[in-house]
Structures are given as structure tokens and as C-alpha cells.
Amino acid sequence: MVFLLVIALHGTIKSIRDGKYGLSKVLNLEKYKCLVDSADANNGIGYEASVWTKDTDCFSNLKEGMEIVVLGLWNASIGKPLPAKKEGKFQTFTNHKLNLNIGLKAQIVLVPKEQP
């Protein structure tokens, strides 16, 4: 099931890479710690966010580790619980995916660093 959500998402850039055949670029945000599923305390819920563009120059001023806010109409895919690979707090993990195809470079805003 896929949902469309208008979201301003705040995160840190994990990676920027070429898409398939070099015709697009993808910016991946760092994944935060899993949250406890309110319906099942043994299930951890995580989110992965990716921003796509066909303008291969769109991410040229961005680098890994930068903090950004991205505004747009996100496609949200609901994951299914999968068994945990290691023993720990959770027995299963559910990973949801958020994808955004941006049309304007202005949809990405750099968060300024605090001055001492």
C-alpha cells in the first residue's frame, strides 16, 4: 500500500549517489533509531527517506553530513515485519520507506549551523 503525504522532513544527509544509468540522482537521509511499535512492543519501526531528481546538478551544493529540511509530496510505502538479524531489544523490524521526486531545488533547505 502506498500513501501520498505532504511533509517537511528534517534530517542529515547519509549519501548522494547516481541513480540508474546516471540519468538521475538520489539523496538518502540517515536512518534514526527504531521506535517501539505501539501495537507490538517486540517490533521496532524504522523509516528510510530518499529524495530523487532528474536534474543531476540539483544536489551539487550538498554534502554528506549536512542537515537539511525537504518539503514535498512524499510517497510512503508501508513495510512488513521481518525477523531481527541479531538478538536485541526487538524480535522483528518493520521498515517504512519515504520517497520524494523533487521538481525544484528550492524544496531542499540547508539548516544553518549554530554559531558559538
C-alpha atoms as a PDB file:
ATOM      1  CA  MET A   1       0.000   0.000   0.000  1.00  0.00           C
ATOM      2  CA  VAL A   2       1.326   3.469  -0.899  1.00  0.00           C
ATOM      3  CA  PHE A   3       0.248   6.785   0.598  1.00  0.00           C
ATOM      4  CA  LEU A   4       0.960  10.345  -0.556  1.00  0.00           C
ATOM      5  CA  LEU A   5       1.869  12.741   2.255  1.00  0.00           C
ATOM      6  CA  VAL A   6       2.791  16.435   2.209  1.00  0.00           C
ATOM      7  CA  ILE A   7       5.673  16.593   4.682  1.00  0.00           C
ATOM      8  CA  ALA A   8       8.551  18.886   5.581  1.00  0.00           C
ATOM      9  CA  LEU A   9      11.121  16.289   6.625  1.00  0.00           C
ATOM     10  CA  HIS A  10      14.210  17.213   8.658  1.00  0.00           C
ATOM     11  CA  GLY A  11      17.309  15.003   8.515  1.00  0.00           C
ATOM     12  CA  THR A  12      21.016  14.544   7.903  1.00  0.00           C
ATOM     13  CA  ILE A  13      22.390  13.518   4.505  1.00  0.00           C
ATOM     14  CA  LYS A  14      23.752   9.965   4.585  1.00  0.00           C
ATOM     15  CA  SER A  15      24.704   9.682   0.917  1.00  0.00           C
ATOM     16  CA  ILE A  16      24.272  11.206  -2.535  1.00  0.00           C
ATOM     17  CA  ARG A  17      24.675   8.890  -5.499  1.00  0.00           C
ATOM     18  CA  ASP A  18      23.786   8.397  -9.139  1.00  0.00           C
ATOM     19  CA  GLY A  19      20.542   6.663  -9.969  1.00  0.00           C
ATOM     20  CA  LYS A  20      20.144   4.005 -12.629  1.00  0.00           C
ATOM     21  CA  TYR A  21      22.125   4.679 -15.821  1.00  0.00           C
ATOM     22  CA  GLY A  22      23.318   8.047 -14.437  1.00  0.00           C
ATOM     23  CA  LEU A  23      20.079   9.744 -15.531  1.00  0.00           C
ATOM     24  CA  SER A  24      19.060  10.752 -12.020  1.00  0.00           C
ATOM     25  CA  LYS A  25      20.476  11.400  -8.548  1.00  0.00           C
ATOM     26  CA  VAL A  26      19.316  10.139  -5.176  1.00  0.00           C
ATOM     27  CA  LEU A  27      19.927  11.699  -1.777  1.00  0.00           C
ATOM     28  CA  ASN A  28      19.468   9.357   1.198  1.00  0.00           C
ATOM     29  CA  LEU A  29      18.863  10.631   4.717  1.00  0.00           C
ATOM     30  CA  GLU A  30      20.337   8.947   7.784  1.00  0.00           C
ATOM     31  CA  LYS A  31      18.068   6.435   9.429  1.00  0.00           C
ATOM     32  CA  TYR A  32      17.156   7.198  13.032  1.00  0.00           C
ATOM     33  CA  LYS A  33      16.854   4.606  15.802  1.00  0.00           C
ATOM     34  CA  CYS A  34      13.857   2.309  15.575  1.00  0.00           C
ATOM     35  CA  LEU A  35      10.797   3.176  17.624  1.00  0.00           C
ATOM     36  CA  VAL A  36       8.669   0.722  19.566  1.00  0.00           C
ATOM     37  CA  ASP A  37       5.524  -0.322  17.692  1.00  0.00           C
ATOM     38  CA  SER A  38       2.531   0.735  19.829  1.00  0.00           C
ATOM     39  CA  ALA A  39       0.640  -2.392  18.701  1.00  0.00           C
ATOM     40  CA  ASP A  40       3.546  -4.808  19.376  1.00  0.00           C
ATOM     41  CA  ALA A  41       6.338  -3.985  21.843  1.00  0.00           C
ATOM     42  CA  ASN A  42       8.564  -6.677  20.250  1.00  0.00           C
ATOM     43  CA  ASN A  43       8.508  -4.896  16.879  1.00  0.00           C
ATOM     44  CA  GLY A  44      10.790  -1.975  16.026  1.00  0.00           C
ATOM     45  CA  ILE A  45       9.627   0.539  13.421  1.00  0.00           C
ATOM     46  CA  GLY A  46      12.139   2.373  11.237  1.00  0.00           C
ATOM     47  CA  TYR A  47      11.963   4.827   8.351  1.00  0.00           C
ATOM     48  CA  GLU A  48      14.168   5.316   5.288  1.00  0.00           C
ATOM     49  CA  ALA A  49      13.867   8.554   3.308  1.00  0.00           C
ATOM     50  CA  SER A  50      15.189   9.137  -0.221  1.00  0.00           C
ATOM     51  CA  VAL A  51      14.973  12.228  -2.429  1.00  0.00           C
ATOM     52  CA  TRP A  52      15.187  11.734  -6.212  1.00  0.00           C
ATOM     53  CA  THR A  53      15.812  14.227  -9.012  1.00  0.00           C
ATOM     54  CA  LYS A  54      16.415  14.098 -12.765  1.00  0.00           C
ATOM     55  CA  ASP A  55      18.409  17.346 -12.522  1.00  0.00           C
ATOM     56  CA  THR A  56      21.856  15.819 -11.975  1.00  0.00           C
ATOM     57  CA  ASP A  57      23.193  19.211 -10.764  1.00  0.00           C
ATOM     58  CA  CYS A  58      20.463  19.659  -8.130  1.00  0.00           C
ATOM     59  CA  PHE A  59      22.491  18.256  -5.211  1.00  0.00           C
ATOM     60  CA  SER A  60      25.818  19.837  -6.235  1.00  0.00           C
ATOM     61  CA  ASN A  61      25.976  22.193  -3.216  1.00  0.00           C
ATOM     62  CA  LEU A  62      25.060  19.443  -0.727  1.00  0.00           C
ATOM     63  CA  LYS A  63      27.418  17.019   1.048  1.00  0.00           C
ATOM     64  CA  GLU A  64      27.162  14.026   3.354  1.00  0.00           C
ATOM     65  CA  GLY A  65      26.595  15.044   6.965  1.00  0.00           C
ATOM     66  CA  MET A  66      24.742  18.274   6.143  1.00  0.00           C
ATOM     67  CA  GLU A  67      21.470  18.894   7.954  1.00  0.00           C
ATOM     68  CA  ILE A  68      18.526  19.717   5.660  1.00  0.00           C
ATOM     69  CA  VAL A  69      14.754  20.150   5.512  1.00  0.00           C
ATOM     70  CA  VAL A  70      12.949  18.785   2.439  1.00  0.00           C
ATOM     71  CA  LEU A  71       9.389  19.800   1.562  1.00  0.00           C
ATOM     72  CA  GLY A  72       7.214  17.899  -0.851  1.00  0.00           C
ATOM     73  CA  LEU A  73       4.610  15.278  -1.648  1.00  0.00           C
ATOM     74  CA  TRP A  74       6.211  12.079  -0.348  1.00  0.00           C
ATOM     75  CA  ASN A  75       5.309   8.540  -1.413  1.00  0.00           C
ATOM     76  CA  ALA A  76       5.105   6.411   1.732  1.00  0.00           C
ATOM     77  CA  SER A  77       5.364   2.616   1.459  1.00  0.00           C
ATOM     78  CA  ILE A  78       4.396   0.508   4.453  1.00  0.00           C
ATOM     79  CA  GLY A  79       6.836  -2.303   5.204  1.00  0.00           C
ATOM     80  CA  LYS A  80       6.131  -5.745   6.624  1.00  0.00           C
ATOM     81  CA  PRO A  81       7.604  -7.035   9.898  1.00  0.00           C
ATOM     82  CA  LEU A  82      10.743  -9.105   9.281  1.00  0.00           C
ATOM     83  CA  PRO A  83      12.681 -11.192  11.822  1.00  0.00           C
ATOM     84  CA  ALA A  84      15.570  -9.405  13.544  1.00  0.00           C
ATOM     85  CA  LYS A  85      19.021 -10.410  12.274  1.00  0.00           C
ATOM     86  CA  LYS A  86      20.556 -10.131  15.760  1.00  0.00           C
ATOM     87  CA  GLU A  87      19.217 -10.693  19.257  1.00  0.00           C
ATOM     88  CA  GLY A  88      18.357  -7.454  20.974  1.00  0.00           C
ATOM     89  CA  LYS A  89      15.512  -5.247  22.046  1.00  0.00           C
ATOM     90  CA  PHE A  90      13.247  -6.241  19.146  1.00  0.00           C
ATOM     91  CA  GLN A  91      12.321  -9.631  17.694  1.00  0.00           C
ATOM     92  CA  THR A  92      11.039  -8.119  14.428  1.00  0.00           C
ATOM     93  CA  PHE A  93      11.572  -4.898  12.469  1.00  0.00           C
ATOM     94  CA  THR A  94       9.232  -3.031  10.151  1.00  0.00           C
ATOM     95  CA  ASN A  95      10.894  -0.613   7.754  1.00  0.00           C
ATOM     96  CA  HIS A  96       8.770   2.065   6.092  1.00  0.00           C
ATOM     97  CA  LYS A  97      10.083   3.898   3.017  1.00  0.00           C
ATOM     98  CA  LEU A  98       9.558   7.540   2.106  1.00  0.00           C
ATOM     99  CA  ASN A  99      10.423   8.655  -1.447  1.00  0.00           C
ATOM    100  CA  LEU A 100      10.200  12.108  -2.971  1.00  0.00           C
ATOM    101  CA  ASN A 101      10.752  13.176  -6.587  1.00  0.00           C
ATOM    102  CA  ILE A 102      11.584  16.871  -6.429  1.00  0.00           C
ATOM    103  CA  GLY A 103      10.888  19.346  -9.182  1.00  0.00           C
ATOM    104  CA  LEU A 104      12.610  22.387  -7.694  1.00  0.00           C
ATOM    105  CA  LYS A 105      15.958  22.796  -5.976  1.00  0.00           C
ATOM    106  CA  ALA A 106      14.173  25.166  -3.552  1.00  0.00           C
ATOM    107  CA  GLN A 107      12.377  22.177  -1.993  1.00  0.00           C
ATOM    108  CA  ILE A 108      15.624  21.452  -0.107  1.00  0.00           C
ATOM    109  CA  VAL A 109      16.737  23.939   2.541  1.00  0.00           C
ATOM    110  CA  LEU A 110      20.070  23.759   4.347  1.00  0.00           C
ATOM    111  CA  VAL A 111      19.788  24.085   8.142  1.00  0.00           C
ATOM    112  CA  PRO A 112      22.341  26.676   9.281  1.00  0.00           C
ATOM    113  CA  LYS A 113      24.902  25.593  11.844  1.00  0.00           C
ATOM    114  CA  GLU A 114      24.746  27.296  15.232  1.00  0.00           C
ATOM    115  CA  GLN A 115      27.358  29.963  15.817  1.00  0.00           C
ATOM    116  CA  PRO A 116      29.246  29.741  19.169  1.00  0.00           C
END
